Full PDB file with SEQRES, HELIX, SHEET, SSBOND, CRYST1, ORIGX, SCALE, CONECT and MASTER records, all heavy atoms in Angstrom:
SEQRES   1 A   37  ILE PRO PHE ILE ASP PRO LEU GLU ASN GLU LYS PHE HIS          
SEQRES   2 A   37  ARG LEU ARG GLY TRP THR GLU GLU ILE THR THR GLN ARG          
SEQRES   3 A   37  GLU TRP ARG LYS LYS GLY VAL ALA HIS ALA LEU                  
HELIX    1 AA1 PRO A    6  PHE A   12  1                                   7    
HELIX    2 AA2 ARG A   26  TRP A   28  5                                   3    
HELIX    3 AA3 VAL A   33  ALA A   36  1                                   4    
SHEET    1 AA1 2 PRO A   2  ILE A   4  0                                        
SHEET    2 AA1 2 GLY A  17  THR A  19 -1                                        
CRYST1    1.000    1.000    1.000  90.00  90.00  90.00 P 1           1          
ORIGX1      1.000000  0.000000  0.000000        0.00000                         
ORIGX2      0.000000  1.000000  0.000000        0.00000                         
ORIGX3      0.000000  0.000000  1.000000        0.00000                         
SCALE1      1.000000  0.000000  0.000000        0.00000                         
SCALE2      0.000000  1.000000  0.000000        0.00000                         
SCALE3      0.000000  0.000000  1.000000        0.00000                         
ATOM      1  N   ILE A   1     114.818 114.969 124.192  1.00  0.00           N  
ATOM      2  CA  ILE A   1     116.208 114.509 124.196  1.00  0.00           C  
ATOM      3  C   ILE A   1     116.829 114.771 122.818  1.00  0.00           C  
ATOM      4  O   ILE A   1     116.746 113.933 121.915  1.00  0.00           O  
ATOM      5  CB  ILE A   1     116.295 113.003 124.541  1.00  0.00           C  
ATOM      6  CG1 ILE A   1     115.554 112.709 125.844  1.00  0.00           C  
ATOM      7  CG2 ILE A   1     117.746 112.562 124.616  1.00  0.00           C  
ATOM      8  CD1 ILE A   1     116.113 113.399 127.064  1.00  0.00           C  
ATOM      9  N   PRO A   2     117.418 115.951 122.622  1.00  0.00           N  
ATOM     10  CA  PRO A   2     118.067 116.230 121.338  1.00  0.00           C  
ATOM     11  C   PRO A   2     119.406 115.490 121.205  1.00  0.00           C  
ATOM     12  O   PRO A   2     120.065 115.175 122.200  1.00  0.00           O  
ATOM     13  CB  PRO A   2     118.301 117.746 121.376  1.00  0.00           C  
ATOM     14  CG  PRO A   2     117.475 118.257 122.507  1.00  0.00           C  
ATOM     15  CD  PRO A   2     117.418 117.133 123.487  1.00  0.00           C  
ATOM     16  N   PHE A   3     119.782 115.243 119.966  1.00  0.00           N  
ATOM     17  CA  PHE A   3     121.129 114.762 119.685  1.00  0.00           C  
ATOM     18  C   PHE A   3     121.524 115.210 118.292  1.00  0.00           C  
ATOM     19  O   PHE A   3     120.682 115.607 117.474  1.00  0.00           O  
ATOM     20  CB  PHE A   3     121.239 113.237 119.834  1.00  0.00           C  
ATOM     21  CG  PHE A   3     120.514 112.439 118.782  1.00  0.00           C  
ATOM     22  CD1 PHE A   3     121.117 112.089 117.590  1.00  0.00           C  
ATOM     23  CD2 PHE A   3     119.206 112.009 119.002  1.00  0.00           C  
ATOM     24  CE1 PHE A   3     120.451 111.346 116.620  1.00  0.00           C  
ATOM     25  CE2 PHE A   3     118.522 111.261 118.050  1.00  0.00           C  
ATOM     26  CZ  PHE A   3     119.148 110.931 116.853  1.00  0.00           C  
ATOM     27  N   ILE A   4     122.809 115.164 118.030  1.00  0.00           N  
ATOM     28  CA  ILE A   4     123.365 115.520 116.725  1.00  0.00           C  
ATOM     29  C   ILE A   4     124.254 114.373 116.276  1.00  0.00           C  
ATOM     30  O   ILE A   4     125.073 113.884 117.060  1.00  0.00           O  
ATOM     31  CB  ILE A   4     124.191 116.825 116.813  1.00  0.00           C  
ATOM     32  CG1 ILE A   4     123.299 118.002 117.228  1.00  0.00           C  
ATOM     33  CG2 ILE A   4     124.887 117.121 115.484  1.00  0.00           C  
ATOM     34  CD1 ILE A   4     124.069 119.238 117.636  1.00  0.00           C  
ATOM     35  N   ASP A   5     124.059 113.922 115.040  1.00  0.00           N  
ATOM     36  CA  ASP A   5     124.892 112.848 114.493  1.00  0.00           C  
ATOM     37  C   ASP A   5     125.841 113.458 113.461  1.00  0.00           C  
ATOM     38  O   ASP A   5     125.462 113.671 112.306  1.00  0.00           O  
ATOM     39  CB  ASP A   5     124.016 111.778 113.850  1.00  0.00           C  
ATOM     40  CG  ASP A   5     124.815 110.544 113.438  1.00  0.00           C  
ATOM     41  OD1 ASP A   5     126.033 110.674 113.199  1.00  0.00           O  
ATOM     42  OD2 ASP A   5     124.234 109.449 113.359  1.00  0.00           O  
ATOM     43  N   PRO A   6     127.078 113.759 113.840  1.00  0.00           N  
ATOM     44  CA  PRO A   6     128.012 114.401 112.902  1.00  0.00           C  
ATOM     45  C   PRO A   6     128.290 113.560 111.659  1.00  0.00           C  
ATOM     46  O   PRO A   6     128.449 114.104 110.560  1.00  0.00           O  
ATOM     47  CB  PRO A   6     129.287 114.592 113.744  1.00  0.00           C  
ATOM     48  CG  PRO A   6     128.835 114.531 115.161  1.00  0.00           C  
ATOM     49  CD  PRO A   6     127.681 113.580 115.176  1.00  0.00           C  
ATOM     50  N   LEU A   7     128.361 112.239 111.819  1.00  0.00           N  
ATOM     51  CA  LEU A   7     128.646 111.378 110.664  1.00  0.00           C  
ATOM     52  C   LEU A   7     127.492 111.395 109.674  1.00  0.00           C  
ATOM     53  O   LEU A   7     127.701 111.437 108.453  1.00  0.00           O  
ATOM     54  CB  LEU A   7     128.929 109.954 111.132  1.00  0.00           C  
ATOM     55  CG  LEU A   7     130.163 109.774 112.023  1.00  0.00           C  
ATOM     56  CD1 LEU A   7     130.324 108.307 112.414  1.00  0.00           C  
ATOM     57  CD2 LEU A   7     131.420 110.267 111.320  1.00  0.00           C  
ATOM     58  N   GLU A   8     126.271 111.352 110.188  1.00  0.00           N  
ATOM     59  CA  GLU A   8     125.096 111.431 109.323  1.00  0.00           C  
ATOM     60  C   GLU A   8     125.070 112.770 108.588  1.00  0.00           C  
ATOM     61  O   GLU A   8     124.803 112.831 107.381  1.00  0.00           O  
ATOM     62  CB  GLU A   8     123.834 111.254 110.164  1.00  0.00           C  
ATOM     63  CG  GLU A   8     122.538 111.351 109.385  1.00  0.00           C  
ATOM     64  CD  GLU A   8     121.333 111.307 110.300  1.00  0.00           C  
ATOM     65  OE1 GLU A   8     120.952 110.201 110.717  1.00  0.00           O  
ATOM     66  OE2 GLU A   8     120.791 112.397 110.607  1.00  0.00           O  
ATOM     67  N   ASN A   9     125.345 113.853 109.302  1.00  0.00           N  
ATOM     68  CA  ASN A   9     125.339 115.170 108.678  1.00  0.00           C  
ATOM     69  C   ASN A   9     126.413 115.290 107.599  1.00  0.00           C  
ATOM     70  O   ASN A   9     126.180 115.872 106.533  1.00  0.00           O  
ATOM     71  CB  ASN A   9     125.536 116.255 109.742  1.00  0.00           C  
ATOM     72  CG  ASN A   9     124.272 116.520 110.534  1.00  0.00           C  
ATOM     73  OD1 ASN A   9     123.171 116.190 110.092  1.00  0.00           O  
ATOM     74  ND2 ASN A   9     124.412 117.100 111.705  1.00  0.00           N  
ATOM     75  N   GLU A  10     127.577 114.729 107.885  1.00  0.00           N  
ATOM     76  CA  GLU A  10     128.649 114.770 106.889  1.00  0.00           C  
ATOM     77  C   GLU A  10     128.271 113.978 105.638  1.00  0.00           C  
ATOM     78  O   GLU A  10     128.481 114.430 104.505  1.00  0.00           O  
ATOM     79  CB  GLU A  10     129.941 114.208 107.497  1.00  0.00           C  
ATOM     80  CG  GLU A  10     131.118 114.201 106.535  1.00  0.00           C  
ATOM     81  CD  GLU A  10     132.380 113.632 107.154  1.00  0.00           C  
ATOM     82  OE1 GLU A  10     132.314 113.141 108.303  1.00  0.00           O  
ATOM     83  OE2 GLU A  10     133.427 113.659 106.484  1.00  0.00           O  
ATOM     84  N   LYS A  11     127.685 112.815 105.835  1.00  0.00           N  
ATOM     85  CA  LYS A  11     127.330 111.963 104.697  1.00  0.00           C  
ATOM     86  C   LYS A  11     126.277 112.608 103.813  1.00  0.00           C  
ATOM     87  O   LYS A  11     126.344 112.514 102.575  1.00  0.00           O  
ATOM     88  CB  LYS A  11     126.827 110.608 105.211  1.00  0.00           C  
ATOM     89  CG  LYS A  11     126.452 109.646 104.098  1.00  0.00           C  
ATOM     90  CD  LYS A  11     126.098 108.275 104.653  1.00  0.00           C  
ATOM     91  CE  LYS A  11     125.759 107.305 103.532  1.00  0.00           C  
ATOM     92  NZ  LYS A  11     125.439 105.954 104.057  1.00  0.00           N  
ATOM     93  N   PHE A  12     125.299 113.270 104.432  1.00  0.00           N  
ATOM     94  CA  PHE A  12     124.188 113.825 103.657  1.00  0.00           C  
ATOM     95  C   PHE A  12     124.298 115.345 103.466  1.00  0.00           C  
ATOM     96  O   PHE A  12     123.345 115.976 103.011  1.00  0.00           O  
ATOM     97  CB  PHE A  12     122.862 113.448 104.317  1.00  0.00           C  
ATOM     98  CG  PHE A  12     122.619 111.961 104.322  1.00  0.00           C  
ATOM     99  CD1 PHE A  12     122.752 111.215 105.486  1.00  0.00           C  
ATOM    100  CD2 PHE A  12     122.299 111.297 103.147  1.00  0.00           C  
ATOM    101  CE1 PHE A  12     122.561 109.847 105.489  1.00  0.00           C  
ATOM    102  CE2 PHE A  12     122.099 109.926 103.132  1.00  0.00           C  
ATOM    103  CZ  PHE A  12     122.232 109.195 104.296  1.00  0.00           C  
ATOM    104  N   HIS A  13     125.464 115.887 103.800  1.00  0.00           N  
ATOM    105  CA  HIS A  13     125.771 117.296 103.524  1.00  0.00           C  
ATOM    106  C   HIS A  13     124.694 118.230 104.092  1.00  0.00           C  
ATOM    107  O   HIS A  13     124.120 119.052 103.382  1.00  0.00           O  
ATOM    108  CB  HIS A  13     125.929 117.529 102.014  1.00  0.00           C  
ATOM    109  CG  HIS A  13     126.873 116.575 101.358  1.00  0.00           C  
ATOM    110  ND1 HIS A  13     128.239 116.620 101.570  1.00  0.00           N  
ATOM    111  CD2 HIS A  13     126.653 115.525 100.518  1.00  0.00           C  
ATOM    112  CE1 HIS A  13     128.820 115.644 100.866  1.00  0.00           C  
ATOM    113  NE2 HIS A  13     127.882 114.965 100.237  1.00  0.00           N  
ATOM    114  N   ARG A  14     124.443 118.083 105.395  1.00  0.00           N  
ATOM    115  CA  ARG A  14     123.446 118.916 106.041  1.00  0.00           C  
ATOM    116  C   ARG A  14     123.871 119.173 107.489  1.00  0.00           C  
ATOM    117  O   ARG A  14     124.847 118.582 107.985  1.00  0.00           O  
ATOM    118  CB  ARG A  14     122.073 118.240 106.008  1.00  0.00           C  
ATOM    119  CG  ARG A  14     121.996 116.943 106.791  1.00  0.00           C  
ATOM    120  CD  ARG A  14     120.713 116.205 106.516  1.00  0.00           C  
ATOM    121  NE  ARG A  14     120.641 114.948 107.253  1.00  0.00           N  
ATOM    122  CZ  ARG A  14     119.932 113.893 106.870  1.00  0.00           C  
ATOM    123  NH1 ARG A  14     119.224 113.943 105.756  1.00  0.00           N  
ATOM    124  NH2 ARG A  14     119.911 112.794 107.596  1.00  0.00           N  
ATOM    125  N   LEU A  15     123.138 120.035 108.149  1.00  0.00           N  
ATOM    126  CA  LEU A  15     123.362 120.329 109.563  1.00  0.00           C  
ATOM    127  C   LEU A  15     122.030 120.124 110.282  1.00  0.00           C  
ATOM    128  O   LEU A  15     121.282 121.068 110.523  1.00  0.00           O  
ATOM    129  CB  LEU A  15     123.881 121.757 109.748  1.00  0.00           C  
ATOM    130  CG  LEU A  15     125.295 122.010 109.227  1.00  0.00           C  
ATOM    131  CD1 LEU A  15     125.614 123.500 109.258  1.00  0.00           C  
ATOM    132  CD2 LEU A  15     126.329 121.230 110.052  1.00  0.00           C  
ATOM    133  N   ARG A  16     121.728 118.871 110.598  1.00  0.00           N  
ATOM    134  CA  ARG A  16     120.453 118.493 111.205  1.00  0.00           C  
ATOM    135  C   ARG A  16     120.668 118.014 112.637  1.00  0.00           C  
ATOM    136  O   ARG A  16     121.566 117.240 112.908  1.00  0.00           O  
ATOM    137  CB  ARG A  16     119.781 117.388 110.391  1.00  0.00           C  
ATOM    138  CG  ARG A  16     118.523 116.806 111.055  1.00  0.00           C  
ATOM    139  CD  ARG A  16     117.940 115.649 110.260  1.00  0.00           C  
ATOM    140  NE  ARG A  16     117.341 116.099 109.018  1.00  0.00           N  
ATOM    141  CZ  ARG A  16     116.789 115.279 108.128  1.00  0.00           C  
ATOM    142  NH1 ARG A  16     116.775 113.970 108.335  1.00  0.00           N  
ATOM    143  NH2 ARG A  16     116.255 115.763 107.015  1.00  0.00           N  
ATOM    144  N   GLY A  17     119.811 118.485 113.512  1.00  0.00           N  
ATOM    145  CA  GLY A  17     119.739 117.949 114.863  1.00  0.00           C  
ATOM    146  C   GLY A  17     118.427 117.208 115.030  1.00  0.00           C  
ATOM    147  O   GLY A  17     117.450 117.475 114.330  1.00  0.00           O  
ATOM    148  N   TRP A  18     118.402 116.274 115.974  1.00  0.00           N  
ATOM    149  CA  TRP A  18     117.200 115.474 116.220  1.00  0.00           C  
ATOM    150  C   TRP A  18     116.613 115.820 117.581  1.00  0.00           C  
ATOM    151  O   TRP A  18     117.351 116.095 118.535  1.00  0.00           O  
ATOM    152  CB  TRP A  18     117.542 113.985 116.166  1.00  0.00           C  
ATOM    153  CG  TRP A  18     117.863 113.517 114.782  1.00  0.00           C  
ATOM    154  CD1 TRP A  18     119.076 113.584 114.146  1.00  0.00           C  
ATOM    155  CD2 TRP A  18     116.958 112.939 113.844  1.00  0.00           C  
ATOM    156  NE1 TRP A  18     118.983 113.079 112.873  1.00  0.00           N  
ATOM    157  CE2 TRP A  18     117.691 112.674 112.656  1.00  0.00           C  
ATOM    158  CE3 TRP A  18     115.608 112.610 113.887  1.00  0.00           C  
ATOM    159  CZ2 TRP A  18     117.108 112.096 111.540  1.00  0.00           C  
ATOM    160  CZ3 TRP A  18     115.019 112.038 112.769  1.00  0.00           C  
ATOM    161  CH2 TRP A  18     115.762 111.782 111.609  1.00  0.00           C  
ATOM    162  N   THR A  19     115.298 115.808 117.667  1.00  0.00           N  
ATOM    163  CA  THR A  19     114.590 116.058 118.923  1.00  0.00           C  
ATOM    164  C   THR A  19     113.699 114.846 119.195  1.00  0.00           C  
ATOM    165  O   THR A  19     112.603 114.736 118.653  1.00  0.00           O  
ATOM    166  CB  THR A  19     113.737 117.336 118.838  1.00  0.00           C  
ATOM    167  OG1 THR A  19     112.867 117.261 117.703  1.00  0.00           O  
ATOM    168  CG2 THR A  19     114.631 118.568 118.686  1.00  0.00           C  
ATOM    169  N   GLU A  20     114.207 113.940 120.022  1.00  0.00           N  
ATOM    170  CA  GLU A  20     113.513 112.672 120.248  1.00  0.00           C  
ATOM    171  C   GLU A  20     113.134 112.501 121.722  1.00  0.00           C  
ATOM    172  O   GLU A  20     113.390 113.373 122.545  1.00  0.00           O  
ATOM    173  CB  GLU A  20     114.400 111.512 119.790  1.00  0.00           C  
ATOM    174  CG  GLU A  20     114.750 111.549 118.305  1.00  0.00           C  
ATOM    175  CD  GLU A  20     113.590 111.184 117.379  1.00  0.00           C  
ATOM    176  OE1 GLU A  20     112.415 111.307 117.787  1.00  0.00           O  
ATOM    177  OE2 GLU A  20     113.857 110.775 116.235  1.00  0.00           O  
ATOM    178  N   GLU A  21     112.507 111.348 122.021  1.00  0.00           N  
ATOM    179  CA  GLU A  21     112.072 111.022 123.385  1.00  0.00           C  
ATOM    180  C   GLU A  21     111.281 112.185 123.981  1.00  0.00           C  
ATOM    181  O   GLU A  21     111.545 112.655 125.088  1.00  0.00           O  
ATOM    182  CB  GLU A  21     113.276 110.683 124.280  1.00  0.00           C  
ATOM    183  CG  GLU A  21     114.265 109.708 123.679  1.00  0.00           C  
ATOM    184  CD  GLU A  21     113.650 108.349 123.359  1.00  0.00           C  
ATOM    185  OE1 GLU A  21     112.591 108.029 123.932  1.00  0.00           O  
ATOM    186  OE2 GLU A  21     114.229 107.621 122.544  1.00  0.00           O  
ATOM    187  N   ILE A  22     110.286 112.639 123.224  1.00  0.00           N  
ATOM    188  CA  ILE A  22     109.446 113.758 123.664  1.00  0.00           C  
ATOM    189  C   ILE A  22     108.324 113.186 124.525  1.00  0.00           C  
ATOM    190  O   ILE A  22     107.451 112.470 124.033  1.00  0.00           O  
ATOM    191  CB  ILE A  22     108.889 114.526 122.451  1.00  0.00           C  
ATOM    192  CG1 ILE A  22     110.049 115.047 121.596  1.00  0.00           C  
ATOM    193  CG2 ILE A  22     108.002 115.682 122.903  1.00  0.00           C  
ATOM    194  CD1 ILE A  22     109.625 115.674 120.274  1.00  0.00           C  
ATOM    195  N   THR A  23     108.362 113.487 125.811  1.00  0.00           N  
ATOM    196  CA  THR A  23     107.407 112.886 126.745  1.00  0.00           C  
ATOM    197  C   THR A  23     106.831 113.934 127.687  1.00  0.00           C  
ATOM    198  O   THR A  23     107.472 114.947 127.979  1.00  0.00           O  
ATOM    199  CB  THR A  23     108.062 111.792 127.611  1.00  0.00           C  
ATOM    200  OG1 THR A  23     108.960 112.395 128.560  1.00  0.00           O  
ATOM    201  CG2 THR A  23     108.812 110.784 126.768  1.00  0.00           C  
ATOM    202  N   THR A  24     105.623 113.651 128.159  1.00  0.00           N  
ATOM    203  CA  THR A  24     104.993 114.440 129.225  1.00  0.00           C  
ATOM    204  C   THR A  24     104.234 113.476 130.134  1.00  0.00           C  
ATOM    205  O   THR A  24     103.515 112.592 129.641  1.00  0.00           O  
ATOM    206  CB  THR A  24     104.010 115.478 128.664  1.00  0.00           C  
ATOM    207  OG1 THR A  24     104.668 116.284 127.678  1.00  0.00           O  
ATOM    208  CG2 THR A  24     103.487 116.385 129.778  1.00  0.00           C  
ATOM    209  N   GLN A  25     104.384 113.633 131.430  1.00  0.00           N  
ATOM    210  CA  GLN A  25     103.618 112.805 132.361  1.00  0.00           C  
ATOM    211  C   GLN A  25     102.127 113.110 132.209  1.00  0.00           C  
ATOM    212  O   GLN A  25     101.722 114.231 131.888  1.00  0.00           O  
ATOM    213  CB  GLN A  25     104.077 113.045 133.788  1.00  0.00           C  
ATOM    214  CG  GLN A  25     105.540 112.674 134.042  1.00  0.00           C  
ATOM    215  CD  GLN A  25     105.857 111.213 133.742  1.00  0.00           C  
ATOM    216  OE1 GLN A  25     105.056 110.322 134.029  1.00  0.00           O  
ATOM    217  NE2 GLN A  25     107.023 110.977 133.151  1.00  0.00           N  
ATOM    218  N   ARG A  26     101.320 112.100 132.424  1.00  0.00           N  
ATOM    219  CA  ARG A  26      99.897 112.146 132.091  1.00  0.00           C  
ATOM    220  C   ARG A  26      99.178 113.389 132.618  1.00  0.00           C  
ATOM    221  O   ARG A  26      98.442 114.061 131.885  1.00  0.00           O  
ATOM    222  CB  ARG A  26      99.204 110.879 132.602  1.00  0.00           C  
ATOM    223  CG  ARG A  26      97.747 110.769 132.196  1.00  0.00           C  
ATOM    224  CD  ARG A  26      97.118 109.510 132.745  1.00  0.00           C  
ATOM    225  NE  ARG A  26      97.773 108.314 132.215  1.00  0.00           N  
ATOM    226  CZ  ARG A  26      97.442 107.082 132.616  1.00  0.00           C  
ATOM    227  NH1 ARG A  26      96.518 106.911 133.548  1.00  0.00           N  
ATOM    228  NH2 ARG A  26      98.047 106.031 132.090  1.00  0.00           N  
ATOM    229  N   GLU A  27      99.383 113.736 133.894  1.00  0.00           N  
ATOM    230  CA  GLU A  27      98.622 114.842 134.486  1.00  0.00           C  
ATOM    231  C   GLU A  27      99.054 116.211 133.973  1.00  0.00           C  
ATOM    232  O   GLU A  27      98.370 117.217 134.214  1.00  0.00           O  
ATOM    233  CB  GLU A  27      98.727 114.790 136.016  1.00  0.00           C  
ATOM    234  CG  GLU A  27     100.109 115.070 136.564  1.00  0.00           C  
ATOM    235  CD  GLU A  27     100.983 113.835 136.636  1.00  0.00           C  
ATOM    236  OE1 GLU A  27     100.712 112.853 135.906  1.00  0.00           O  
ATOM    237  OE2 GLU A  27     101.956 113.859 137.426  1.00  0.00           O  
ATOM    238  N   TRP A  28     100.185 116.268 133.250  1.00  0.00           N  
ATOM    239  CA  TRP A  28     100.661 117.557 132.709  1.00  0.00           C  
ATOM    240  C   TRP A  28     100.425 117.673 131.206  1.00  0.00           C  
ATOM    241  O   TRP A  28     100.858 118.656 130.589  1.00  0.00           O  
ATOM    242  CB  TRP A  28     102.146 117.731 133.025  1.00  0.00           C  
ATOM    243  CG  TRP A  28     102.395 118.255 134.407  1.00  0.00           C  
ATOM    244  CD1 TRP A  28     102.702 117.540 135.528  1.00  0.00           C  
ATOM    245  CD2 TRP A  28     102.344 119.624 134.820  1.00  0.00           C  
ATOM    246  NE1 TRP A  28     102.856 118.366 136.611  1.00  0.00           N  
ATOM    247  CE2 TRP A  28     102.642 119.665 136.205  1.00  0.00           C  
ATOM    248  CE3 TRP A  28     102.067 120.830 134.166  1.00  0.00           C  
ATOM    249  CZ2 TRP A  28     102.682 120.855 136.936  1.00  0.00           C  
ATOM    250  CZ3 TRP A  28     102.107 122.007 134.885  1.00  0.00           C  
ATOM    251  CH2 TRP A  28     102.411 122.015 136.255  1.00  0.00           C  
ATOM    252  N   ARG A  29      99.755 116.722 130.606  1.00  0.00           N  
ATOM    253  CA  ARG A  29      99.544 116.776 129.157  1.00  0.00           C  
ATOM    254  C   ARG A  29      98.524 117.842 128.777  1.00  0.00           C  
ATOM    255  O   ARG A  29      97.654 118.192 129.566  1.00  0.00           O  
ATOM    256  CB  ARG A  29      99.106 115.396 128.644  1.00  0.00           C  
ATOM    257  CG  ARG A  29     100.236 114.390 128.696  1.00  0.00           C  
ATOM    258  CD  ARG A  29      99.813 112.992 128.328  1.00  0.00           C  
ATOM    259  NE  ARG A  29     100.923 112.063 128.582  1.00  0.00           N  
ATOM    260  CZ  ARG A  29     100.806 110.747 128.664  1.00  0.00           C  
ATOM    261  NH1 ARG A  29      99.615 110.185 128.502  1.00  0.00           N  
ATOM    262  NH2 ARG A  29     101.863 109.998 128.904  1.00  0.00           N  
ATOM    263  N   LYS A  30      98.698 118.327 127.549  1.00  0.00           N  
ATOM    264  CA  LYS A  30      97.823 119.356 126.965  1.00  0.00           C  
ATOM    265  C   LYS A  30      97.891 120.674 127.751  1.00  0.00           C  
ATOM    266  O   LYS A  30      96.935 121.452 127.774  1.00  0.00           O  
ATOM    267  CB  LYS A  30      96.381 118.850 126.853  1.00  0.00           C  
ATOM    268  CG  LYS A  30      96.258 117.583 125.998  1.00  0.00           C  
ATOM    269  CD  LYS A  30      94.830 117.210 125.731  1.00  0.00           C  
ATOM    270  CE  LYS A  30      94.741 115.889 124.964  1.00  0.00           C  
ATOM    271  NZ  LYS A  30      95.426 115.908 123.665  1.00  0.00           N  
ATOM    272  N   LYS A  31      99.044 120.914 128.385  1.00  0.00           N  
ATOM    273  CA  LYS A  31      99.263 122.176 129.095  1.00  0.00           C  
ATOM    274  C   LYS A  31     100.469 122.933 128.542  1.00  0.00           C  
ATOM    275  O   LYS A  31     100.890 123.928 129.118  1.00  0.00           O  
ATOM    276  CB  LYS A  31      99.445 121.906 130.588  1.00  0.00           C  
ATOM    277  CG  LYS A  31      98.201 121.311 131.250  1.00  0.00           C  
ATOM    278  CD  LYS A  31      98.413 121.059 132.743  1.00  0.00           C  
ATOM    279  CE  LYS A  31      97.156 120.452 133.365  1.00  0.00           C  
ATOM    280  NZ  LYS A  31      97.322 120.190 134.822  1.00  0.00           N  
ATOM    281  N   GLY A  32     101.020 122.416 127.439  1.00  0.00           N  
ATOM    282  CA  GLY A  32     102.111 123.129 126.784  1.00  0.00           C  
ATOM    283  C   GLY A  32     103.503 122.735 127.212  1.00  0.00           C  
ATOM    284  O   GLY A  32     104.481 123.383 126.820  1.00  0.00           O  
ATOM    285  N   VAL A  33     103.645 121.643 127.975  1.00  0.00           N  
ATOM    286  CA  VAL A  33     104.967 121.243 128.454  1.00  0.00           C  
ATOM    287  C   VAL A  33     105.863 120.808 127.295  1.00  0.00           C  
ATOM    288  O   VAL A  33     106.981 121.320 127.122  1.00  0.00           O  
ATOM    289  CB  VAL A  33     104.858 120.111 129.492  1.00  0.00           C  
ATOM    290  CG1 VAL A  33     106.253 119.646 129.923  1.00  0.00           C  
ATOM    291  CG2 VAL A  33     104.053 120.573 130.701  1.00  0.00           C  
ATOM    292  N   ALA A  34     105.384 119.854 126.495  1.00  0.00           N  
ATOM    293  CA  ALA A  34     106.184 119.362 125.369  1.00  0.00           C  
ATOM    294  C   ALA A  34     106.460 120.479 124.371  1.00  0.00           C  
ATOM    295  O   ALA A  34     107.569 120.574 123.816  1.00  0.00           O  
ATOM    296  CB  ALA A  34     105.473 118.196 124.688  1.00  0.00           C  
ATOM    297  N   HIS A  35     105.474 121.315 124.139  1.00  0.00           N  
ATOM    298  CA  HIS A  35     105.629 122.446 123.211  1.00  0.00           C  
ATOM    299  C   HIS A  35     106.778 123.336 123.665  1.00  0.00           C  
ATOM    300  O   HIS A  35     107.665 123.695 122.876  1.00  0.00           O  
ATOM    301  CB  HIS A  35     104.313 123.225 123.154  1.00  0.00           C  
ATOM    302  CG  HIS A  35     104.203 124.148 122.001  1.00  0.00           C  
ATOM    303  ND1 HIS A  35     102.987 124.518 121.461  1.00  0.00           N  
ATOM    304  CD2 HIS A  35     105.132 124.819 121.275  1.00  0.00           C  
ATOM    305  CE1 HIS A  35     103.190 125.350 120.466  1.00  0.00           C  
ATOM    306  NE2 HIS A  35     104.488 125.555 120.338  1.00  0.00           N  
ATOM    307  N   ALA A  36     106.795 123.680 124.952  1.00  0.00           N  
ATOM    308  CA  ALA A  36     107.836 124.562 125.485  1.00  0.00           C  
ATOM    309  C   ALA A  36     109.215 123.910 125.413  1.00  0.00           C  
ATOM    310  O   ALA A  36     110.206 124.553 125.022  1.00  0.00           O  
ATOM    311  CB  ALA A  36     107.501 124.942 126.924  1.00  0.00           C  
ATOM    312  N   LEU A  37     109.298 122.644 125.780  1.00  0.00           N  
ATOM    313  CA  LEU A  37     110.583 121.952 125.752  1.00  0.00           C  
ATOM    314  C   LEU A  37     111.098 121.790 124.328  1.00  0.00           C  
ATOM    315  O   LEU A  37     112.308 121.889 124.075  1.00  0.00           O  
ATOM    316  CB  LEU A  37     110.461 120.590 126.427  1.00  0.00           C  
ATOM    317  CG  LEU A  37     110.211 120.607 127.942  1.00  0.00           C  
ATOM    318  CD1 LEU A  37     110.014 119.183 128.448  1.00  0.00           C  
ATOM    319  CD2 LEU A  37     111.345 121.283 128.694  1.00  0.00           C  
TER     320      LEU A  37                                                      
MASTER        0    0    0    3    2    0    0    6  319    1    0    3          
END                                                                             
């Protein structure tokens, strides 16, 4: 779940995006799902 905080970027003079809520259902783990996403 990516997001961008424009106010945070403006305050700290950067262009950063966040990649959070990284999840994989149990039976699909260690198969490259999170890596690909």
